[in-house]
C-alpha atoms as a PDB file:
ATOM      1  CA  MET A   1       7.830  21.112 -19.962  1.00  0.00           C
ATOM      2  CA  ALA A   2       4.776  19.523 -18.332  1.00  0.00           C
ATOM      3  CA  ASP A   3       3.394  21.079 -15.172  1.00  0.00           C
ATOM      4  CA  ALA A   4       3.888  19.110 -11.951  1.00  0.00           C
ATOM      5  CA  LEU A   5       0.931  16.943 -11.035  1.00  0.00           C
ATOM      6  CA  THR A   6      -0.852  18.389  -8.015  1.00  0.00           C
ATOM      7  CA  ALA A   7      -3.734  15.939  -7.463  1.00  0.00           C
ATOM      8  CA  LEU A   8      -4.813  12.384  -8.237  1.00  0.00           C
ATOM      9  CA  THR A   9      -8.221  11.714  -9.757  1.00  0.00           C
ATOM     10  CA  THR A  10     -10.364   8.611  -9.386  1.00  0.00           C
ATOM     11  CA  SER A  11      -8.968   7.317 -12.667  1.00  0.00           C
ATOM     12  CA  ASP A  12      -5.398   7.989 -11.495  1.00  0.00           C
ATOM     13  CA  LEU A  13      -6.024   5.884  -8.402  1.00  0.00           C
ATOM     14  CA  ALA A  14      -7.493   3.135 -10.564  1.00  0.00           C
ATOM     15  CA  ALA A  15      -4.296   3.258 -12.623  1.00  0.00           C
ATOM     16  CA  TRP A  16      -2.316   2.889  -9.377  1.00  0.00           C
ATOM     17  CA  LEU A  17      -4.276  -0.253  -8.528  1.00  0.00           C
ATOM     18  CA  ARG A  18      -3.660  -1.710 -11.978  1.00  0.00           C
ATOM     19  CA  ARG A  19       0.062  -1.018 -11.696  1.00  0.00           C
ATOM     20  CA  SER A  20       0.045  -2.548  -8.217  1.00  0.00           C
ATOM     21  CA  SER A  21      -1.506  -5.700  -9.639  1.00  0.00           C
ATOM     22  CA  THR A  22       1.218  -5.926 -12.277  1.00  0.00           C
ATOM     23  CA  LEU A  23       4.048  -5.469  -9.770  1.00  0.00           C
ATOM     24  CA  LEU A  24       2.556  -7.912  -7.275  1.00  0.00           C
ATOM     25  CA  ALA A  25       2.194 -10.523 -10.001  1.00  0.00           C
ATOM     26  CA  GLU A  26       5.791  -9.980 -11.091  1.00  0.00           C
ATOM     27  CA  HIS A  27       7.039 -10.329  -7.508  1.00  0.00           C
ATOM     28  CA  ALA A  28       4.656 -13.063  -6.336  1.00  0.00           C
ATOM     29  CA  SER A  29       7.346 -15.747  -6.196  1.00  0.00           C
ATOM     30  CA  ALA A  30       9.735 -13.485  -4.310  1.00  0.00           C
ATOM     31  CA  LEU A  31       7.012 -12.588  -1.805  1.00  0.00           C
ATOM     32  CA  ASN A  32       6.230 -16.274  -1.347  1.00  0.00           C
ATOM     33  CA  GLU A  33       9.902 -16.944  -0.650  1.00  0.00           C
ATOM     34  CA  LEU A  34       9.959 -14.232   1.993  1.00  0.00           C
ATOM     35  CA  ASP A  35       6.816 -15.688   3.523  1.00  0.00           C
ATOM     36  CA  ALA A  36       8.257 -19.203   3.451  1.00  0.00           C
ATOM     37  CA  ALA A  37      10.884 -18.115   5.967  1.00  0.00           C
ATOM     38  CA  ILE A  38       8.449 -16.840   8.590  1.00  0.00           C
ATOM     39  CA  GLY A  39       4.911 -17.660   7.417  1.00  0.00           C
ATOM     40  CA  ASP A  40       2.825 -19.862   5.138  1.00  0.00           C
ATOM     41  CA  ALA A  41       4.728 -19.211   1.888  1.00  0.00           C
ATOM     42  CA  ASP A  42       1.620 -17.853   0.175  1.00  0.00           C
ATOM     43  CA  HIS A  43       1.681 -14.073   0.624  1.00  0.00           C
ATOM     44  CA  GLY A  44       2.718 -13.453  -2.973  1.00  0.00           C
ATOM     45  CA  SER A  45       0.130 -15.835  -4.390  1.00  0.00           C
ATOM     46  CA  ASN A  46      -2.572 -14.311  -2.210  1.00  0.00           C
ATOM     47  CA  MET A  47      -1.710 -10.736  -3.187  1.00  0.00           C
ATOM     48  CA  LYS A  48      -1.456 -11.648  -6.868  1.00  0.00           C
ATOM     49  CA  ARG A  49      -4.886 -13.277  -6.760  1.00  0.00           C
ATOM     50  CA  GLY A  50      -6.463 -10.445  -4.813  1.00  0.00           C
ATOM     51  CA  PHE A  51      -5.242  -7.642  -7.047  1.00  0.00           C
ATOM     52  CA  ALA A  52      -6.096  -9.610 -10.177  1.00  0.00           C
ATOM     53  CA  ALA A  53      -9.640  -9.681  -8.795  1.00  0.00           C
ATOM     54  CA  VAL A  54      -9.416  -5.927  -8.233  1.00  0.00           C
ATOM     55  CA  VAL A  55      -8.475  -5.369 -11.879  1.00  0.00           C
ATOM     56  CA  THR A  56     -11.417  -7.520 -12.955  1.00  0.00           C
ATOM     57  CA  ALA A  57     -13.684  -5.349 -10.800  1.00  0.00           C
ATOM     58  CA  LEU A  58     -12.201  -2.177 -12.304  1.00  0.00           C
ATOM     59  CA  ASP A  59     -12.892  -3.502 -15.791  1.00  0.00           C
ATOM     60  CA  ALA A  60     -16.516  -4.252 -14.918  1.00  0.00           C
ATOM     61  CA  GLU A  61     -17.760  -0.822 -13.834  1.00  0.00           C
ATOM     62  CA  GLU A  62     -17.183   2.906 -13.625  1.00  0.00           C
ATOM     63  CA  PHE A  63     -16.839   4.647 -10.282  1.00  0.00           C
ATOM     64  CA  ALA A  64     -18.407   8.016  -9.516  1.00  0.00           C
ATOM     65  CA  ASP A  65     -15.875   8.987  -6.891  1.00  0.00           C
ATOM     66  CA  ILE A  66     -12.923   7.794  -4.859  1.00  0.00           C
ATOM     67  CA  PRO A  67     -14.971   6.343  -1.963  1.00  0.00           C
ATOM     68  CA  ALA A  68     -16.943   4.165  -4.401  1.00  0.00           C
ATOM     69  CA  LEU A  69     -13.727   2.930  -6.003  1.00  0.00           C
ATOM     70  CA  MET A  70     -12.055   2.162  -2.694  1.00  0.00           C
ATOM     71  CA  LYS A  71     -15.140   0.429  -1.303  1.00  0.00           C
ATOM     72  CA  LYS A  72     -15.096  -1.959  -4.245  1.00  0.00           C
ATOM     73  CA  VAL A  73     -11.355  -2.512  -3.893  1.00  0.00           C
ATOM     74  CA  GLY A  74     -11.542  -3.138  -0.163  1.00  0.00           C
ATOM     75  CA  MET A  75     -14.442  -5.566  -0.402  1.00  0.00           C
ATOM     76  CA  THR A  76     -12.789  -7.399  -3.284  1.00  0.00           C
ATOM     77  CA  LEU A  77      -9.563  -7.870  -1.350  1.00  0.00           C
ATOM     78  CA  VAL A  78     -11.359  -9.066   1.772  1.00  0.00           C
ATOM     79  CA  SER A  79     -13.194 -11.706  -0.254  1.00  0.00           C
ATOM     80  CA  SER A  80     -10.322 -12.842  -2.476  1.00  0.00           C
ATOM     81  CA  VAL A  81      -7.072 -12.618  -0.484  1.00  0.00           C
ATOM     82  CA  GLY A  82      -6.311 -15.428   1.928  1.00  0.00           C
ATOM     83  CA  GLY A  83      -4.689 -15.199   5.323  1.00  0.00           C
ATOM     84  CA  ALA A  84      -4.427 -12.034   7.377  1.00  0.00           C
ATOM     85  CA  SER A  85      -3.513  -9.839   4.411  1.00  0.00           C
ATOM     86  CA  GLY A  86      -7.018  -9.761   2.927  1.00  0.00           C
ATOM     87  CA  PRO A  87      -8.740  -8.192   5.931  1.00  0.00           C
ATOM     88  CA  LEU A  88      -5.801  -5.863   6.564  1.00  0.00           C
ATOM     89  CA  TYR A  89      -5.403  -4.535   3.030  1.00  0.00           C
ATOM     90  CA  GLY A  90      -9.165  -4.577   2.570  1.00  0.00           C
ATOM     91  CA  THR A  91      -9.628  -2.441   5.664  1.00  0.00           C
ATOM     92  CA  PHE A  92      -6.875  -0.115   4.461  1.00  0.00           C
ATOM     93  CA  PHE A  93      -8.645   0.695   1.199  1.00  0.00           C
ATOM     94  CA  LEU A  94     -12.090   0.912   2.804  1.00  0.00           C
ATOM     95  CA  ARG A  95     -10.838   3.427   5.372  1.00  0.00           C
ATOM     96  CA  LEU A  96      -8.931   5.335   2.712  1.00  0.00           C
ATOM     97  CA  GLY A  97     -12.154   5.835   0.794  1.00  0.00           C
ATOM     98  CA  THR A  98     -14.488   6.655   3.664  1.00  0.00           C
ATOM     99  CA  SER A  99     -12.069   9.308   4.928  1.00  0.00           C
ATOM    100  CA  GLN A 100     -12.703  11.371   1.775  1.00  0.00           C
ATOM    101  CA  PRO A 101     -16.501  11.434   1.283  1.00  0.00           C
ATOM    102  CA  GLY A 102     -17.566  12.485  -2.201  1.00  0.00           C
ATOM    103  CA  ALA A 103     -13.991  13.197  -3.325  1.00  0.00           C
ATOM    104  CA  THR A 104     -13.111  12.888  -7.009  1.00  0.00           C
ATOM    105  CA  GLN A 105      -9.492  13.960  -6.592  1.00  0.00           C
ATOM    106  CA  LEU A 106      -6.882  14.131  -3.835  1.00  0.00           C
ATOM    107  CA  ASP A 107      -4.116  16.683  -3.509  1.00  0.00           C
ATOM    108  CA  ALA A 108      -1.035  15.912  -1.405  1.00  0.00           C
ATOM    109  CA  ALA A 109      -2.683  16.860   1.891  1.00  0.00           C
ATOM    110  CA  ASP A 110      -5.836  14.883   1.079  1.00  0.00           C
ATOM    111  CA  LEU A 111      -3.819  11.870  -0.042  1.00  0.00           C
ATOM    112  CA  LEU A 112      -1.762  11.917   3.137  1.00  0.00           C
ATOM    113  CA  ALA A 113      -4.921  12.113   5.250  1.00  0.00           C
ATOM    114  CA  ALA A 114      -6.497   9.259   3.275  1.00  0.00           C
ATOM    115  CA  LEU A 115      -3.407   7.059   3.574  1.00  0.00           C
ATOM    116  CA  ARG A 116      -3.163   7.783   7.295  1.00  0.00           C
ATOM    117  CA  ALA A 117      -6.801   6.782   7.730  1.00  0.00           C
ATOM    118  CA  GLY A 118      -6.124   3.570   5.849  1.00  0.00           C
ATOM    119  CA  VAL A 119      -3.092   2.760   7.973  1.00  0.00           C
ATOM    120  CA  GLY A 120      -5.136   3.518  11.073  1.00  0.00           C
ATOM    121  CA  GLY A 121      -7.495   0.795   9.901  1.00  0.00           C
ATOM    122  CA  ILE A 122      -4.572  -1.638   9.599  1.00  0.00           C
ATOM    123  CA  GLU A 123      -3.447  -0.781  13.129  1.00  0.00           C
ATOM    124  CA  GLN A 124      -6.928  -1.275  14.518  1.00  0.00           C
ATOM    125  CA  ARG A 125      -7.710  -4.460  12.605  1.00  0.00           C
ATOM    126  CA  GLY A 126      -4.312  -6.049  13.215  1.00  0.00           C
ATOM    127  CA  LYS A 127      -3.932  -4.722  16.766  1.00  0.00           C
ATOM    128  CA  ALA A 128      -0.324  -3.970  15.855  1.00  0.00           C
ATOM    129  CA  THR A 129       2.106  -1.115  16.288  1.00  0.00           C
ATOM    130  CA  VAL A 130       5.355  -0.090  14.629  1.00  0.00           C
ATOM    131  CA  GLY A 131       8.309  -2.276  15.569  1.00  0.00           C
ATOM    132  CA  GLU A 132       6.475  -5.616  15.628  1.00  0.00           C
ATOM    133  CA  LYS A 133       7.744  -6.745  12.194  1.00  0.00           C
ATOM    134  CA  THR A 134       4.571  -6.147  10.175  1.00  0.00           C
ATOM    135  CA  MET A 135       3.523  -4.084   7.160  1.00  0.00           C
ATOM    136  CA  LEU A 136       3.198  -1.117   9.513  1.00  0.00           C
ATOM    137  CA  ASP A 137       6.981  -0.949   9.643  1.00  0.00           C
ATOM    138  CA  ALA A 138       6.930   0.038   5.965  1.00  0.00           C
ATOM    139  CA  TRP A 139       3.793   2.181   6.084  1.00  0.00           C
ATOM    140  CA  ALA A 140       4.943   4.387   8.960  1.00  0.00           C
ATOM    141  CA  PRO A 141       8.239   5.633   7.456  1.00  0.00           C
ATOM    142  CA  ALA A 142       6.551   5.992   4.075  1.00  0.00           C
ATOM    143  CA  LEU A 143       3.911   8.313   5.511  1.00  0.00           C
ATOM    144  CA  ASP A 144       6.495  10.249   7.497  1.00  0.00           C
ATOM    145  CA  ALA A 145       8.636  10.757   4.387  1.00  0.00           C
ATOM    146  CA  PHE A 146       5.600  11.737   2.300  1.00  0.00           C
ATOM    147  CA  ASP A 147       4.508  14.188   4.988  1.00  0.00           C
ATOM    148  CA  GLN A 148       7.933  15.792   5.207  1.00  0.00           C
ATOM    149  CA  ALA A 149       8.278  16.103   1.434  1.00  0.00           C
ATOM    150  CA  SER A 150       4.746  17.436   0.916  1.00  0.00           C
ATOM    151  CA  THR A 151       5.194  20.178   3.479  1.00  0.00           C
ATOM    152  CA  GLY A 152       8.593  21.298   2.188  1.00  0.00           C
ATOM    153  CA  GLU A 153       9.491  24.164  -0.083  1.00  0.00           C
ATOM    154  CA  ASP A 154       7.429  22.936  -3.054  1.00  0.00           C
ATOM    155  CA  THR A 155       4.207  21.513  -1.644  1.00  0.00           C
ATOM    156  CA  SER A 156       2.684  21.362  -5.139  1.00  0.00           C
ATOM    157  CA  ASP A 157       5.084  18.645  -6.344  1.00  0.00           C
ATOM    158  CA  LEU A 158       3.014  15.541  -5.627  1.00  0.00           C
ATOM    159  CA  ALA A 159       5.381  13.304  -7.575  1.00  0.00           C
ATOM    160  CA  ALA A 160       8.314  14.278  -5.364  1.00  0.00           C
ATOM    161  CA  ALA A 161       6.303  13.590  -2.215  1.00  0.00           C
ATOM    162  CA  VAL A 162       5.189  10.184  -3.474  1.00  0.00           C
ATOM    163  CA  ARG A 163       8.753   9.319  -4.476  1.00  0.00           C
ATOM    164  CA  ALA A 164       9.866  10.177  -0.960  1.00  0.00           C
ATOM    165  CA  GLY A 165       7.119   7.966   0.416  1.00  0.00           C
ATOM    166  CA  ALA A 166       8.217   5.081  -1.786  1.00  0.00           C
ATOM    167  CA  GLU A 167      11.798   5.472  -0.598  1.00  0.00           C
ATOM    168  CA  GLY A 168      10.565   5.516   2.993  1.00  0.00           C
ATOM    169  CA  ALA A 169       8.644   2.291   2.394  1.00  0.00           C
ATOM    170  CA  GLU A 170      11.751   0.638   0.959  1.00  0.00           C
ATOM    171  CA  GLN A 171      13.783   1.675   3.980  1.00  0.00           C
ATOM    172  CA  GLY A 172      11.050   0.433   6.295  1.00  0.00           C
ATOM    173  CA  ARG A 173      10.950  -2.903   4.502  1.00  0.00           C
ATOM    174  CA  GLU A 174      14.686  -3.387   5.002  1.00  0.00           C
ATOM    175  CA  ALA A 175      14.414  -2.249   8.616  1.00  0.00           C
ATOM    176  CA  THR A 176      12.191  -5.257   9.382  1.00  0.00           C
ATOM    177  CA  ILE A 177      15.138  -7.634   8.877  1.00  0.00           C
ATOM    178  CA  PRO A 178      16.651  -7.289  12.387  1.00  0.00           C
ATOM    179  CA  LEU A 179      13.260  -7.193  14.116  1.00  0.00           C
ATOM    180  CA  GLN A 180      11.760 -10.087  16.036  1.00  0.00           C
ATOM    181  CA  ALA A 181       8.139 -10.671  15.081  1.00  0.00           C
ATOM    182  CA  SER A 182       5.565 -10.279  17.819  1.00  0.00           C
ATOM    183  CA  LYS A 183       2.412 -10.465  15.698  1.00  0.00           C
ATOM    184  CA  GLY A 184       0.934 -13.128  13.445  1.00  0.00           C
ATOM    185  CA  ARG A 185       2.309 -16.511  12.501  1.00  0.00           C
ATOM    186  CA  ALA A 186       5.876 -15.193  12.391  1.00  0.00           C
ATOM    187  CA  SER A 187       5.696 -14.489  16.136  1.00  0.00           C
ATOM    188  CA  TYR A 188       5.612 -18.248  16.784  1.00  0.00           C
ATOM    189  CA  LEU A 189       9.200 -18.434  15.582  1.00  0.00           C
ATOM    190  CA  GLY A 190      10.497 -16.119  18.277  1.00  0.00           C
ATOM    191  CA  GLU A 191      14.133 -15.219  17.673  1.00  0.00           C
ATOM    192  CA  ARG A 192      14.167 -17.307  14.493  1.00  0.00           C
ATOM    193  CA  SER A 193      12.073 -14.586  12.837  1.00  0.00           C
ATOM    194  CA  ILE A 194      15.080 -12.262  13.068  1.00  0.00           C
ATOM    195  CA  GLY A 195      17.062 -11.866   9.859  1.00  0.00           C
ATOM    196  CA  HIS A 196      14.161 -11.954   7.419  1.00  0.00           C
ATOM    197  CA  VAL A 197      12.217  -9.272   5.546  1.00  0.00           C
ATOM    198  CA  ASP A 198       8.572  -9.109   6.560  1.00  0.00           C
ATOM    199  CA  PRO A 199       6.446 -10.078   3.513  1.00  0.00           C
ATOM    200  CA  GLY A 200       3.730  -7.540   4.327  1.00  0.00           C
ATOM    201  CA  ALA A 201       6.303  -4.772   4.478  1.00  0.00           C
ATOM    202  CA  ALA A 202       7.615  -5.969   1.108  1.00  0.00           C
ATOM    203  CA  SER A 203       4.179  -5.857  -0.522  1.00  0.00           C
ATOM    204  CA  THR A 204       3.594  -2.428   1.029  1.00  0.00           C
ATOM    205  CA  ALA A 205       6.791  -1.193  -0.617  1.00  0.00           C
ATOM    206  CA  LEU A 206       5.518  -2.527  -3.944  1.00  0.00           C
ATOM    207  CA  LEU A 207       2.269  -0.578  -3.558  1.00  0.00           C
ATOM    208  CA  TRP A 208       4.297   2.573  -2.968  1.00  0.00           C
ATOM    209  CA  GLN A 209       6.508   1.797  -5.951  1.00  0.00           C
ATOM    210  CA  ALA A 210       3.380   1.411  -8.079  1.00  0.00           C
ATOM    211  CA  LEU A 211       2.023   4.729  -6.806  1.00  0.00           C
ATOM    212  CA  ALA A 212       5.304   6.522  -7.557  1.00  0.00           C
ATOM    213  CA  GLU A 213       5.429   5.051 -11.063  1.00  0.00           C
ATOM    214  CA  THR A 214       1.786   5.947 -11.701  1.00  0.00           C
ATOM    215  CA  VAL A 215       2.208   9.537 -10.525  1.00  0.00           C
ATOM    216  CA  ALA A 216       5.393   9.936 -12.569  1.00  0.00           C
ATOM    217  CA  GLY A 217       3.564   8.673 -15.643  1.00  0.00           C
ATOM    218  CA  GLN A 218       0.586  10.957 -15.111  1.00  0.00           C
ATOM    219  CA  GLU A 219       2.889  13.901 -14.484  1.00  0.00           C
ATOM    220  CA  GLY A 220       4.623  13.285 -17.776  1.00  0.00           C
ATOM    221  CA  SER A 221       1.299  13.340 -19.647  1.00  0.00           C
ATOM    222  CA  ALA A 222      -0.082  16.437 -17.932  1.00  0.00           C
END
């Protein structure tokens, strides 16, 4: 039986980004449909294009450490994703990287700290808080669930913690349905924004799904 994975390397995180690109491409139409209800109907197309550009960047060079990888990812997303999502997701990955200077692998505690730094960048850039029907409403419960799972009885089981985070993101995505948007284009709709999933929360849940699938795959090959 393979040992539980305890840390993610630079190449593991690159694999996460590649899996994210695949999932976002597969769900681009669905994300556009969600965005059509409360936005510009292009969130899926924008995310698909941005992460395709990320994969192209990954194919073009090797990265010495996690900050170098995340800097490239963040800058690529800022320059290739339209709307508000580019700067927000770009800032997320840039902050994730700069929070771990020189790191070539992240254990559960490091990963949580890096993700929290990234989400802090989203909060600062978007001037948003939890409860305003944004991607933060998926990120916050995901981080809380990851934190709880990674500080439980078996803190070495990274896969279990990431799975918990992915489940938290899914729950957060669904929890945006009854919320009224108070940030971004959706806020212009007022009460009409109620009853719809936030597209940013949906794409956040896909990133967590990709991370869980990547970690599970790496764990199986350990």
